[in-house]
N, C-alpha and C. Protein backbone atom coordinates (compact mmCIF):
# COMPACT_ATOMS: atom_id res chain seq x y z
N UNK A 1 77.53 -113.87 -64.92
CA UNK A 1 77.98 -112.57 -64.96
C UNK A 1 77.91 -112.34 -66.44
N UNK A 2 77.63 -110.98 -66.64
CA UNK A 2 77.42 -110.37 -67.95
C UNK A 2 78.64 -110.66 -68.99
N UNK A 3 78.40 -111.25 -70.11
CA UNK A 3 79.36 -111.68 -70.89
C UNK A 3 79.46 -110.84 -72.25
N UNK A 4 78.16 -110.13 -72.55
CA UNK A 4 78.10 -109.36 -73.88
C UNK A 4 76.91 -108.77 -73.82
N UNK A 5 76.42 -108.06 -74.90
CA UNK A 5 75.17 -107.58 -75.16
C UNK A 5 74.64 -107.62 -76.63
N UNK A 6 73.44 -107.78 -76.55
CA UNK A 6 72.97 -107.82 -77.93
C UNK A 6 72.77 -106.37 -78.84
N UNK A 7 72.42 -106.41 -79.99
CA UNK A 7 72.29 -105.43 -80.81
C UNK A 7 71.21 -104.32 -80.19
N UNK A 8 70.23 -104.88 -79.58
CA UNK A 8 69.04 -104.05 -78.74
C UNK A 8 69.47 -103.65 -77.38
N UNK A 9 70.99 -103.83 -77.06
CA UNK A 9 71.54 -103.52 -75.75
C UNK A 9 71.09 -104.40 -74.28
N UNK A 10 70.41 -105.61 -74.72
CA UNK A 10 70.08 -106.49 -73.47
C UNK A 10 71.38 -107.30 -73.24
N UNK A 11 71.28 -107.40 -71.87
CA UNK A 11 72.68 -108.19 -71.45
C UNK A 11 72.61 -109.82 -71.61
N UNK A 12 73.69 -110.35 -71.91
CA UNK A 12 73.86 -111.96 -72.20
C UNK A 12 74.56 -112.24 -71.12
N UNK A 13 74.34 -113.17 -70.29
CA UNK A 13 74.82 -113.86 -69.00
C UNK A 13 75.39 -115.20 -69.49
N UNK A 14 76.50 -115.40 -68.80
CA UNK A 14 77.30 -116.72 -68.74
C UNK A 14 77.84 -117.06 -67.36
N UNK A 15 78.18 -118.46 -67.20
CA UNK A 15 78.80 -118.86 -65.75
C UNK A 15 80.06 -117.99 -65.92
N UNK A 16 80.26 -117.68 -64.48
CA UNK A 16 81.58 -116.70 -64.14
C UNK A 16 82.82 -117.56 -64.57
N UNK A 17 82.99 -118.71 -64.48
CA UNK A 17 84.25 -119.18 -64.95
C UNK A 17 84.69 -119.29 -66.43
N UNK A 18 83.48 -118.97 -67.09
CA UNK A 18 83.61 -118.83 -68.70
C UNK A 18 83.75 -117.17 -69.01
N UNK A 19 83.56 -116.35 -67.98
CA UNK A 19 83.67 -115.11 -68.33
C UNK A 19 85.13 -114.38 -67.78
N UNK A 20 85.34 -114.64 -66.69
CA UNK A 20 86.50 -114.10 -65.84
C UNK A 20 87.76 -114.60 -66.54
N UNK A 21 88.57 -113.65 -66.61
CA UNK A 21 90.17 -114.29 -67.20
C UNK A 21 90.61 -115.61 -66.39
N UNK A 22 91.24 -116.50 -67.15
CA UNK A 22 92.00 -117.65 -66.58
C UNK A 22 92.96 -117.44 -65.58
N UNK A 23 93.14 -118.11 -64.55
CA UNK A 23 94.04 -117.93 -63.26
C UNK A 23 93.72 -116.83 -62.39
N UNK A 24 92.39 -116.14 -62.36
CA UNK A 24 92.21 -115.15 -61.52
C UNK A 24 92.02 -115.69 -60.29
N UNK A 25 92.52 -115.18 -59.28
CA UNK A 25 92.31 -115.40 -57.70
C UNK A 25 90.55 -115.17 -57.28
N UNK A 26 89.79 -116.00 -57.43
CA UNK A 26 88.49 -115.78 -56.99
C UNK A 26 88.16 -116.27 -55.51
N UNK A 27 89.14 -116.39 -54.77
CA UNK A 27 89.01 -116.55 -53.28
C UNK A 27 88.28 -115.50 -52.77
N UNK A 28 87.22 -115.55 -51.55
CA UNK A 28 86.92 -114.32 -50.78
C UNK A 28 87.66 -113.91 -50.03
N UNK A 29 88.34 -112.63 -49.88
CA UNK A 29 89.17 -112.01 -49.12
C UNK A 29 88.62 -111.67 -47.68
N UNK A 30 87.15 -112.01 -47.65
CA UNK A 30 86.34 -111.36 -46.12
C UNK A 30 85.95 -109.96 -46.42
N UNK A 31 85.12 -109.65 -45.83
CA UNK A 31 84.46 -108.41 -45.89
C UNK A 31 85.62 -107.26 -45.43
N UNK A 32 86.17 -107.31 -44.39
CA UNK A 32 86.71 -106.28 -44.18
C UNK A 32 87.91 -105.79 -45.12
N UNK A 33 88.56 -107.04 -45.65
CA UNK A 33 89.74 -106.88 -46.74
C UNK A 33 89.23 -106.35 -47.92
N UNK A 34 87.83 -106.83 -48.10
CA UNK A 34 87.31 -106.22 -49.47
C UNK A 34 87.01 -104.64 -49.23
N UNK A 35 86.55 -104.32 -48.03
CA UNK A 35 86.11 -102.81 -47.95
C UNK A 35 87.28 -102.18 -47.85
N UNK A 36 88.36 -102.46 -47.29
CA UNK A 36 89.76 -101.83 -47.24
C UNK A 36 90.07 -101.61 -48.77
N UNK A 37 89.99 -102.48 -49.64
CA UNK A 37 90.56 -102.50 -50.94
C UNK A 37 89.67 -101.68 -51.67
N UNK A 38 88.15 -101.94 -51.66
CA UNK A 38 87.51 -100.95 -52.33
C UNK A 38 87.41 -99.41 -51.94
N UNK A 39 87.41 -99.24 -50.69
CA UNK A 39 87.51 -97.83 -50.02
C UNK A 39 88.98 -97.16 -50.93
N UNK A 40 89.98 -97.77 -50.67
CA UNK A 40 91.06 -97.29 -51.28
C UNK A 40 91.13 -96.90 -52.73
N UNK A 41 90.58 -98.10 -53.41
CA UNK A 41 90.32 -98.02 -54.87
C UNK A 41 89.53 -96.72 -55.43
N UNK A 42 88.31 -96.38 -54.60
CA UNK A 42 87.43 -95.35 -54.69
C UNK A 42 88.09 -94.04 -54.57
N UNK A 43 88.94 -93.97 -53.30
CA UNK A 43 89.71 -92.68 -53.23
C UNK A 43 90.66 -92.49 -54.22
N UNK A 44 91.20 -93.44 -54.74
CA UNK A 44 92.42 -93.37 -55.55
C UNK A 44 91.81 -92.52 -56.88
N UNK A 45 90.53 -92.96 -57.18
CA UNK A 45 89.95 -92.27 -58.14
C UNK A 45 89.22 -90.91 -58.11
N UNK A 46 88.79 -90.67 -56.65
CA UNK A 46 88.14 -89.39 -56.40
C UNK A 46 89.35 -88.33 -56.14
N UNK A 47 90.41 -89.01 -55.59
CA UNK A 47 91.64 -87.76 -55.45
C UNK A 47 91.59 -87.47 -53.91
N UNK A 48 90.46 -86.67 -53.56
CA UNK A 48 90.11 -86.36 -52.17
C UNK A 48 88.66 -86.43 -51.98
N UNK A 49 88.39 -87.06 -50.92
CA UNK A 49 86.82 -87.44 -50.53
C UNK A 49 86.83 -87.47 -48.94
N UNK A 50 85.49 -87.44 -48.64
CA UNK A 50 85.05 -87.56 -47.32
C UNK A 50 84.70 -89.29 -47.26
N UNK A 51 84.78 -89.75 -45.91
CA UNK A 51 84.35 -91.21 -45.96
C UNK A 51 83.23 -91.55 -46.58
N UNK A 52 81.98 -90.71 -46.58
CA UNK A 52 80.87 -91.24 -47.29
C UNK A 52 80.95 -91.27 -48.59
N UNK A 53 82.00 -90.33 -49.30
CA UNK A 53 82.08 -90.37 -50.56
C UNK A 53 82.82 -91.57 -51.20
N UNK A 54 83.72 -91.89 -50.14
CA UNK A 54 84.71 -93.00 -50.57
C UNK A 54 83.76 -94.13 -50.68
N UNK A 55 83.10 -94.30 -49.36
CA UNK A 55 81.91 -95.66 -49.38
C UNK A 55 81.03 -95.50 -50.56
N UNK A 56 80.37 -94.53 -51.05
CA UNK A 56 79.53 -94.45 -51.82
C UNK A 56 79.93 -94.94 -53.17
N UNK A 57 81.32 -94.64 -53.42
CA UNK A 57 82.02 -95.15 -54.95
C UNK A 57 81.65 -96.48 -55.18
N UNK A 58 81.66 -97.47 -54.12
CA UNK A 58 81.38 -98.84 -54.77
C UNK A 58 80.09 -99.16 -53.68
N UNK A 59 79.43 -98.12 -53.19
CA UNK A 59 78.00 -98.49 -52.34
C UNK A 59 78.22 -99.43 -51.25
N UNK A 60 79.35 -99.09 -50.56
CA UNK A 60 80.01 -100.02 -49.20
C UNK A 60 78.86 -99.88 -48.22
N UNK A 61 78.50 -101.01 -47.50
CA UNK A 61 77.86 -101.06 -46.40
C UNK A 61 78.24 -102.42 -45.66
N UNK A 62 78.00 -102.59 -44.61
CA UNK A 62 77.34 -101.60 -43.34
C UNK A 62 78.31 -100.70 -42.93
N UNK A 63 77.88 -99.75 -42.30
CA UNK A 63 78.75 -98.52 -41.76
C UNK A 63 79.95 -98.97 -40.82
N UNK A 64 79.50 -100.14 -40.16
CA UNK A 64 80.45 -100.43 -38.91
C UNK A 64 81.83 -101.13 -39.51
N UNK A 65 81.68 -101.75 -40.81
CA UNK A 65 82.65 -102.57 -41.73
C UNK A 65 83.50 -101.17 -42.31
N UNK A 66 82.83 -100.21 -42.93
CA UNK A 66 83.52 -99.07 -43.47
C UNK A 66 84.32 -98.18 -42.39
N UNK A 67 83.96 -98.23 -41.16
CA UNK A 67 84.70 -97.40 -40.14
C UNK A 67 85.97 -98.43 -39.86
N UNK A 68 85.67 -99.74 -39.68
CA UNK A 68 86.80 -100.65 -39.28
C UNK A 68 87.92 -100.47 -40.58
N UNK A 69 87.36 -100.60 -41.68
CA UNK A 69 88.44 -100.37 -42.77
C UNK A 69 89.12 -99.14 -42.81
N UNK A 70 88.36 -98.18 -42.40
CA UNK A 70 89.11 -96.80 -42.58
C UNK A 70 90.13 -96.81 -41.45
N UNK A 71 89.88 -97.15 -40.39
CA UNK A 71 90.74 -97.07 -39.20
C UNK A 71 91.82 -98.15 -39.65
N UNK A 72 91.84 -99.13 -40.27
CA UNK A 72 92.99 -100.01 -40.59
C UNK A 72 93.85 -98.89 -41.76
N UNK A 73 92.93 -98.47 -42.72
CA UNK A 73 93.99 -97.78 -43.75
C UNK A 73 94.52 -96.54 -42.95
N UNK A 74 94.11 -96.00 -42.28
CA UNK A 74 94.67 -94.82 -41.49
C UNK A 74 95.83 -95.33 -40.74
N UNK A 75 95.58 -96.33 -40.08
CA UNK A 75 96.73 -96.83 -38.88
C UNK A 75 97.95 -97.53 -39.76
N UNK A 76 97.62 -97.81 -41.06
CA UNK A 76 98.78 -98.40 -41.90
C UNK A 76 99.26 -97.10 -42.96
N UNK A 77 98.84 -95.97 -42.74
CA UNK A 77 99.29 -95.00 -43.49
C UNK A 77 99.00 -95.07 -45.10
N UNK A 78 97.80 -95.92 -45.46
CA UNK A 78 97.63 -96.03 -46.84
C UNK A 78 96.79 -94.77 -47.08
N UNK A 79 96.13 -94.18 -46.19
CA UNK A 79 95.37 -92.92 -46.45
C UNK A 79 95.85 -92.03 -45.62
N UNK A 80 95.71 -90.73 -45.85
CA UNK A 80 95.90 -89.66 -44.87
C UNK A 80 94.91 -88.65 -44.68
N UNK A 81 94.63 -88.04 -43.48
CA UNK A 81 93.81 -87.11 -43.27
C UNK A 81 94.23 -85.66 -43.90
N UNK A 82 93.43 -84.86 -44.71
CA UNK A 82 93.82 -83.72 -44.94
C UNK A 82 92.78 -82.59 -44.54
N UNK A 83 93.19 -81.26 -44.68
CA UNK A 83 92.07 -80.11 -44.50
C UNK A 83 92.03 -79.60 -45.92
N UNK A 84 90.61 -79.49 -46.34
CA UNK A 84 90.39 -78.95 -47.43
C UNK A 84 89.40 -77.66 -47.20
N UNK A 85 90.03 -76.55 -47.69
CA UNK A 85 89.37 -75.24 -47.67
C UNK A 85 87.86 -75.18 -47.82
N UNK A 86 86.96 -74.93 -47.04
CA UNK A 86 85.48 -74.83 -47.42
C UNK A 86 84.71 -76.13 -47.12
N UNK A 87 85.45 -77.03 -46.96
CA UNK A 87 84.80 -78.57 -46.45
C UNK A 87 84.33 -78.56 -44.78
N UNK A 88 83.38 -79.03 -44.55
CA UNK A 88 82.99 -79.03 -43.13
C UNK A 88 83.56 -80.59 -42.60
N UNK A 89 83.13 -81.67 -43.42
CA UNK A 89 83.56 -82.84 -42.99
C UNK A 89 85.07 -83.23 -43.15
N UNK A 90 85.37 -84.07 -42.35
CA UNK A 90 86.98 -84.52 -42.60
C UNK A 90 87.44 -85.04 -43.91
N UNK A 91 88.25 -84.95 -44.41
CA UNK A 91 88.82 -85.28 -45.69
C UNK A 91 90.04 -86.48 -45.86
N UNK A 92 89.94 -86.97 -46.74
CA UNK A 92 91.02 -88.13 -46.94
C UNK A 92 91.60 -88.05 -48.31
N UNK A 93 92.87 -88.34 -48.33
CA UNK A 93 93.38 -88.79 -49.67
C UNK A 93 94.75 -89.54 -49.46
N UNK A 94 95.44 -89.97 -50.74
CA UNK A 94 96.70 -90.84 -50.56
C UNK A 94 97.91 -90.06 -50.73
N UNK A 95 98.96 -90.88 -50.06
CA UNK A 95 100.33 -89.92 -50.32
C UNK A 95 100.54 -89.84 -51.82
N UNK A 96 100.07 -90.79 -52.67
CA UNK A 96 100.54 -90.86 -54.12
C UNK A 96 99.93 -89.68 -54.67
N UNK A 97 98.44 -89.22 -54.17
CA UNK A 97 97.79 -88.09 -54.70
C UNK A 97 98.68 -86.55 -54.16
N UNK A 98 99.09 -86.73 -52.98
CA UNK A 98 99.83 -85.53 -52.52
C UNK A 98 101.28 -85.47 -52.99
N UNK A 99 101.69 -86.48 -53.41
CA UNK A 99 103.23 -86.30 -54.20
C UNK A 99 103.08 -86.29 -55.51
N UNK A 100 101.92 -86.41 -56.06
CA UNK A 100 101.68 -86.42 -57.75
C UNK A 100 101.63 -84.73 -58.15
N UNK A 101 101.34 -84.65 -59.30
CA UNK A 101 101.06 -83.48 -59.84
C UNK A 101 99.63 -83.10 -59.54
N UNK A 102 99.76 -81.72 -59.20
CA UNK A 102 98.34 -81.13 -58.46
C UNK A 102 97.65 -80.25 -59.50
N UNK A 103 97.97 -80.03 -60.77
CA UNK A 103 97.56 -79.46 -61.63
C UNK A 103 96.45 -80.35 -62.57
N UNK A 104 95.46 -79.66 -62.80
CA UNK A 104 94.22 -80.60 -63.62
C UNK A 104 94.86 -80.88 -64.91
N UNK A 105 94.70 -82.26 -65.18
CA UNK A 105 95.62 -82.52 -66.53
C UNK A 105 94.76 -82.06 -67.75
N UNK A 106 95.50 -82.08 -69.10
CA UNK A 106 95.14 -81.49 -70.02
C UNK A 106 94.10 -82.56 -70.71
N UNK A 107 93.04 -81.88 -71.07
CA UNK A 107 91.95 -82.90 -71.97
C UNK A 107 91.23 -82.07 -72.94
N UNK A 108 90.67 -82.68 -73.84
CA UNK A 108 89.91 -82.17 -74.55
C UNK A 108 88.24 -81.71 -74.10
N UNK A 109 87.73 -80.69 -74.39
CA UNK A 109 86.34 -80.40 -73.94
C UNK A 109 85.30 -81.71 -74.06
N UNK A 110 84.59 -82.03 -73.30
CA UNK A 110 83.89 -83.33 -73.31
C UNK A 110 82.31 -83.07 -72.84
N UNK A 111 81.61 -83.64 -73.22
CA UNK A 111 80.30 -83.76 -72.85
C UNK A 111 80.15 -85.03 -72.09
N UNK A 112 79.84 -85.13 -70.75
CA UNK A 112 79.76 -86.27 -69.67
C UNK A 112 78.35 -86.63 -69.72
N UNK A 113 78.09 -87.97 -69.89
CA UNK A 113 76.72 -88.72 -69.82
C UNK A 113 76.55 -88.39 -68.39
N UNK A 114 75.06 -88.53 -68.15
CA UNK A 114 74.54 -88.07 -66.88
C UNK A 114 74.93 -89.17 -65.72
N UNK A 115 75.39 -90.22 -66.06
CA UNK A 115 75.46 -91.36 -65.09
C UNK A 115 77.09 -91.62 -65.15
N UNK A 116 78.08 -90.67 -65.71
CA UNK A 116 79.32 -90.79 -65.63
C UNK A 116 79.89 -90.58 -64.02
N UNK A 117 80.82 -91.39 -63.81
CA UNK A 117 81.24 -91.42 -62.18
C UNK A 117 81.64 -90.27 -61.84
N UNK A 118 82.04 -89.38 -62.28
CA UNK A 118 82.29 -88.07 -61.83
C UNK A 118 80.95 -87.24 -61.25
N UNK A 119 79.83 -87.63 -61.89
CA UNK A 119 78.52 -87.20 -61.53
C UNK A 119 77.61 -87.97 -60.44
N UNK A 120 78.38 -89.18 -59.88
CA UNK A 120 77.58 -89.64 -58.97
C UNK A 120 77.01 -89.09 -57.83
N UNK A 121 77.80 -88.24 -57.15
CA UNK A 121 77.75 -87.61 -55.94
C UNK A 121 77.25 -86.16 -56.32
N UNK A 122 76.27 -85.83 -56.34
CA UNK A 122 75.83 -84.41 -56.64
C UNK A 122 76.19 -83.19 -55.65
N UNK A 123 76.06 -83.67 -54.23
CA UNK A 123 76.71 -82.58 -53.60
C UNK A 123 78.05 -82.41 -53.33
N UNK A 124 78.97 -83.47 -53.78
CA UNK A 124 80.24 -83.37 -54.27
C UNK A 124 80.73 -82.32 -55.29
N UNK A 125 79.74 -82.67 -56.38
CA UNK A 125 80.07 -81.93 -57.52
C UNK A 125 79.58 -80.38 -57.43
N UNK A 126 78.67 -80.18 -56.35
CA UNK A 126 78.31 -78.61 -56.27
C UNK A 126 79.31 -78.07 -55.35
N UNK A 127 79.84 -78.76 -54.52
CA UNK A 127 80.93 -78.16 -53.66
C UNK A 127 82.05 -78.10 -54.10
N UNK A 128 82.57 -78.92 -55.08
CA UNK A 128 83.80 -78.83 -55.74
C UNK A 128 83.86 -77.94 -56.93
N UNK A 129 82.90 -78.16 -57.79
CA UNK A 129 82.83 -77.28 -58.98
C UNK A 129 81.65 -76.05 -58.89
N UNK A 130 80.95 -75.98 -57.93
CA UNK A 130 79.91 -74.90 -57.88
C UNK A 130 79.00 -75.32 -59.09
N UNK A 131 78.63 -76.45 -59.35
CA UNK A 131 78.03 -76.83 -60.43
C UNK A 131 76.72 -77.62 -59.96
N UNK A 132 75.49 -77.06 -60.02
CA UNK A 132 74.29 -77.85 -59.70
C UNK A 132 73.80 -78.65 -60.86
N UNK A 133 73.79 -79.96 -60.58
CA UNK A 133 73.21 -80.73 -61.69
C UNK A 133 72.27 -81.87 -61.07
N UNK A 134 71.14 -82.14 -61.84
CA UNK A 134 70.26 -83.10 -61.73
C UNK A 134 69.75 -83.67 -62.66
N UNK A 135 69.57 -85.13 -62.73
CA UNK A 135 68.91 -85.74 -63.97
C UNK A 135 67.72 -85.43 -63.81
N UNK A 136 66.95 -84.99 -65.03
CA UNK A 136 65.46 -84.69 -65.00
C UNK A 136 64.87 -85.60 -66.02
N UNK A 137 65.36 -86.82 -66.40
CA UNK A 137 64.70 -87.70 -67.05
C UNK A 137 63.09 -87.91 -66.54
N UNK A 138 63.22 -88.21 -65.27
CA UNK A 138 62.04 -88.34 -64.66
C UNK A 138 61.14 -87.38 -64.03
N UNK A 139 61.43 -86.36 -64.33
CA UNK A 139 60.87 -85.07 -63.93
C UNK A 139 59.69 -84.64 -65.01
N UNK A 140 58.53 -84.49 -64.62
CA UNK A 140 57.37 -84.09 -65.83
C UNK A 140 57.99 -82.93 -66.46
N UNK A 141 57.91 -82.88 -67.73
CA UNK A 141 58.39 -81.82 -68.57
C UNK A 141 58.10 -80.39 -68.28
N UNK A 142 57.03 -79.90 -67.64
CA UNK A 142 56.98 -78.51 -67.40
C UNK A 142 57.89 -78.18 -66.28
N UNK A 143 58.16 -79.17 -65.61
CA UNK A 143 58.91 -78.68 -64.14
C UNK A 143 60.44 -79.01 -64.52
N UNK A 144 60.90 -79.36 -65.78
CA UNK A 144 62.22 -79.43 -65.92
C UNK A 144 62.75 -78.23 -66.12
N UNK A 145 63.96 -77.77 -65.65
CA UNK A 145 64.83 -76.58 -65.80
C UNK A 145 65.71 -76.53 -66.87
N UNK A 146 66.21 -77.61 -67.34
CA UNK A 146 67.16 -77.56 -68.66
C UNK A 146 66.47 -78.58 -69.53
N UNK A 147 66.17 -79.81 -69.45
CA UNK A 147 65.55 -80.82 -70.29
C UNK A 147 65.71 -82.12 -70.06
N UNK A 148 65.34 -82.82 -70.91
CA UNK A 148 65.07 -84.54 -70.59
C UNK A 148 66.26 -85.13 -70.69
N UNK A 149 67.49 -85.00 -71.40
CA UNK A 149 69.01 -85.70 -71.21
C UNK A 149 69.86 -84.51 -71.38
N UNK A 150 70.11 -84.08 -70.34
CA UNK A 150 71.11 -83.01 -70.34
C UNK A 150 72.46 -83.51 -69.97
N UNK A 151 73.60 -83.09 -70.61
CA UNK A 151 74.83 -83.59 -70.59
C UNK A 151 75.99 -82.32 -70.28
N UNK A 152 76.30 -82.31 -68.94
CA UNK A 152 77.41 -81.50 -68.50
C UNK A 152 78.59 -81.61 -69.35
N UNK A 153 79.22 -80.06 -69.61
CA UNK A 153 80.33 -80.02 -70.34
C UNK A 153 81.44 -79.68 -69.42
N UNK A 154 82.58 -80.72 -69.56
CA UNK A 154 83.67 -80.83 -68.88
C UNK A 154 84.87 -79.96 -69.96
N UNK A 155 85.35 -78.81 -69.19
CA UNK A 155 86.66 -78.14 -70.22
C UNK A 155 87.53 -77.59 -69.14
N UNK A 156 88.71 -77.72 -69.31
CA UNK A 156 89.76 -77.01 -68.62
C UNK A 156 89.60 -77.61 -67.12
N UNK A 157 89.10 -78.73 -66.81
CA UNK A 157 89.05 -79.26 -65.52
C UNK A 157 88.01 -78.67 -64.87
N UNK A 158 87.08 -78.00 -65.34
CA UNK A 158 85.74 -77.46 -64.79
C UNK A 158 84.61 -77.78 -65.47
N UNK A 159 83.48 -77.86 -64.74
CA UNK A 159 82.01 -78.19 -65.25
C UNK A 159 81.61 -76.87 -65.63
N UNK A 160 81.52 -76.33 -66.98
CA UNK A 160 81.27 -75.02 -67.27
C UNK A 160 80.14 -74.83 -68.27
N UNK A 161 79.31 -75.75 -68.50
CA UNK A 161 78.21 -75.76 -69.28
C UNK A 161 77.41 -77.13 -69.16
N UNK A 162 76.41 -77.00 -70.14
CA UNK A 162 75.38 -78.12 -70.24
C UNK A 162 74.62 -78.26 -71.56
N UNK A 163 74.19 -79.14 -72.13
CA UNK A 163 73.37 -78.98 -73.33
C UNK A 163 72.52 -80.25 -73.39
N UNK A 164 71.35 -79.94 -73.75
CA UNK A 164 70.36 -80.87 -73.91
C UNK A 164 70.32 -81.27 -75.15
N UNK A 165 70.57 -82.62 -75.29
CA UNK A 165 70.63 -83.11 -76.74
C UNK A 165 69.77 -84.60 -77.00
N UNK A 166 69.52 -84.62 -78.32
CA UNK A 166 68.84 -85.88 -78.87
C UNK A 166 69.25 -86.41 -80.28
N UNK A 167 69.61 -87.44 -80.32
CA UNK A 167 70.01 -88.01 -81.67
C UNK A 167 68.93 -88.52 -82.25
N UNK A 168 68.88 -87.90 -83.36
CA UNK A 168 68.08 -88.11 -84.48
C UNK A 168 68.43 -89.13 -85.60
N UNK A 169 68.25 -90.66 -85.20
CA UNK A 169 68.71 -91.44 -85.86
C UNK A 169 68.23 -91.46 -87.32
N UNK A 170 66.90 -91.34 -87.52
CA UNK A 170 66.20 -91.13 -88.87
C UNK A 170 67.22 -90.09 -89.66
N UNK A 171 67.25 -89.05 -89.39
CA UNK A 171 67.95 -87.83 -89.96
C UNK A 171 69.51 -87.92 -89.87
N UNK A 172 70.01 -88.82 -88.81
CA UNK A 172 71.25 -89.00 -88.63
C UNK A 172 71.94 -87.64 -88.00
N UNK A 173 71.45 -86.82 -87.20
CA UNK A 173 71.38 -85.36 -86.55
C UNK A 173 71.67 -85.60 -85.24
N UNK A 174 72.36 -84.72 -84.67
CA UNK A 174 72.76 -84.68 -83.36
C UNK A 174 72.15 -83.44 -82.98
N UNK A 175 70.87 -83.50 -82.47
CA UNK A 175 69.84 -82.10 -82.26
C UNK A 175 70.44 -81.62 -80.96
N UNK A 176 70.65 -80.33 -81.06
CA UNK A 176 70.72 -79.73 -79.64
C UNK A 176 69.47 -78.64 -79.27
N UNK A 177 68.81 -79.41 -78.41
CA UNK A 177 67.84 -78.58 -77.92
C UNK A 177 67.89 -77.44 -77.02
N UNK A 178 69.01 -77.45 -76.45
CA UNK A 178 69.24 -76.29 -75.38
C UNK A 178 70.94 -76.22 -75.08
N UNK A 179 71.45 -75.11 -74.94
CA UNK A 179 73.07 -75.03 -74.80
C UNK A 179 72.90 -73.83 -73.70
N UNK A 180 73.69 -74.33 -72.54
CA UNK A 180 73.94 -73.16 -71.61
C UNK A 180 75.35 -73.24 -71.13
N UNK A 181 76.05 -72.11 -71.17
CA UNK A 181 77.33 -71.86 -71.01
C UNK A 181 77.53 -71.30 -69.72
N UNK A 182 78.41 -71.73 -68.61
CA UNK A 182 78.72 -71.07 -67.25
C UNK A 182 80.24 -70.91 -67.20
N UNK A 183 80.95 -70.23 -68.05
CA UNK A 183 82.29 -70.20 -67.76
C UNK A 183 82.83 -70.86 -69.17
N UNK A 184 82.07 -71.74 -69.97
CA UNK A 184 82.82 -72.45 -70.87
C UNK A 184 82.65 -71.45 -72.10
N UNK A 185 83.62 -71.72 -73.29
CA UNK A 185 83.68 -70.97 -74.50
C UNK A 185 82.76 -71.68 -75.52
N UNK A 186 82.16 -70.93 -76.41
CA UNK A 186 81.54 -71.61 -77.50
C UNK A 186 82.36 -72.29 -78.18
N UNK A 187 83.58 -72.03 -78.62
CA UNK A 187 84.66 -73.00 -79.17
C UNK A 187 84.70 -74.55 -78.47
N UNK A 188 84.56 -74.43 -77.40
CA UNK A 188 84.78 -75.57 -76.49
C UNK A 188 83.48 -76.46 -76.47
N UNK A 189 82.37 -75.76 -76.45
CA UNK A 189 81.26 -76.54 -76.57
C UNK A 189 80.80 -77.16 -78.03
N UNK A 190 81.45 -76.44 -79.13
CA UNK A 190 81.47 -77.01 -80.42
C UNK A 190 82.09 -78.02 -80.60
N UNK A 191 83.62 -78.09 -79.86
CA UNK A 191 84.32 -79.20 -80.04
C UNK A 191 83.71 -80.24 -79.54
N UNK A 192 83.26 -80.28 -78.30
CA UNK A 192 82.69 -81.38 -77.56
C UNK A 192 81.37 -81.94 -78.16
N UNK A 193 80.73 -81.12 -78.91
CA UNK A 193 79.44 -81.48 -79.60
C UNK A 193 79.92 -82.32 -81.00
N UNK A 194 81.05 -81.85 -81.62
CA UNK A 194 81.27 -82.62 -82.84
C UNK A 194 81.87 -84.01 -82.47
N UNK A 195 82.83 -84.15 -81.40
CA UNK A 195 83.51 -85.31 -80.95
C UNK A 195 82.13 -86.28 -80.69
N UNK A 196 81.14 -85.59 -79.99
CA UNK A 196 80.09 -86.59 -79.57
C UNK A 196 79.28 -87.04 -80.75
N UNK A 197 79.00 -86.34 -81.64
CA UNK A 197 78.57 -86.52 -82.85
C UNK A 197 79.21 -87.75 -83.91
N UNK A 198 80.47 -87.65 -83.72
CA UNK A 198 81.27 -88.41 -84.51
C UNK A 198 81.16 -89.80 -83.85
N UNK A 199 81.26 -89.72 -82.50
CA UNK A 199 80.89 -91.12 -81.61
C UNK A 199 79.87 -91.72 -81.72
N UNK A 200 78.75 -91.00 -82.09
CA UNK A 200 77.27 -91.64 -82.40
C UNK A 200 77.18 -91.82 -83.73
N UNK A 201 77.75 -91.32 -84.66
CA UNK A 201 77.98 -91.65 -86.02
C UNK A 201 76.50 -90.70 -86.82
N UNK A 202 76.64 -89.72 -86.05
CA UNK A 202 75.67 -88.41 -86.79
C UNK A 202 76.50 -87.82 -87.69
N UNK A 203 75.71 -87.44 -88.87
CA UNK A 203 76.54 -86.77 -89.87
C UNK A 203 76.52 -85.50 -89.60
N UNK A 204 75.57 -84.97 -88.87
CA UNK A 204 75.60 -83.20 -88.49
C UNK A 204 75.10 -83.04 -87.22
N UNK A 205 75.18 -81.67 -86.97
CA UNK A 205 74.82 -81.13 -85.69
C UNK A 205 73.71 -80.13 -86.17
N UNK A 206 72.49 -80.28 -85.36
CA UNK A 206 71.51 -79.32 -85.72
C UNK A 206 71.41 -78.30 -84.25
N UNK A 207 71.95 -77.17 -84.29
CA UNK A 207 71.91 -76.20 -83.52
C UNK A 207 70.71 -75.42 -83.33
N UNK A 208 70.42 -74.92 -82.17
CA UNK A 208 69.00 -73.92 -81.87
C UNK A 208 69.47 -72.54 -82.53
N UNK A 209 68.23 -72.02 -83.05
CA UNK A 209 68.42 -70.96 -83.92
C UNK A 209 68.35 -69.74 -83.13
């Protein structure tokens, strides 16, 4: 198991018994029980999701095990089927989610990494937020729509902008090579950029002219 990383971000591995907490139950619960646990855990993080989205959260396969686990979760009322306006496929949630607060939690404006778990399922993001997002790292530069390393802006519970960024370590600058707002406010983008610059240890932000 991975126990650490070097200064160059390479992984350091060790024996599992020296990495896991003492006293942890490491017995194999079997694939069906594991699938049930991971489906429920994924749904708890997604809030509401299709079967495919629940399974994709932890990359669960094969599909027959997913179907069997879903049937058990529904039978035991650990998940419930719901109708979501505009969704074609059946959706599911938990009773805890239905009984909890339904308003978006308060949070500061944040720039999300391209591999943040909110962004894993691109079709889901477009369906929920109306936000089309693709990682263009592997796209030839002339064909990129926005840029090499574009971070979506999350503000007020919505994806409402994006920024193409580069950290200039030599100059200690967070360079903003492009900024696009779609419902986001300039002040929200500024706040998110300042937080990211602080996190990265950049002394200043270089905004496009």
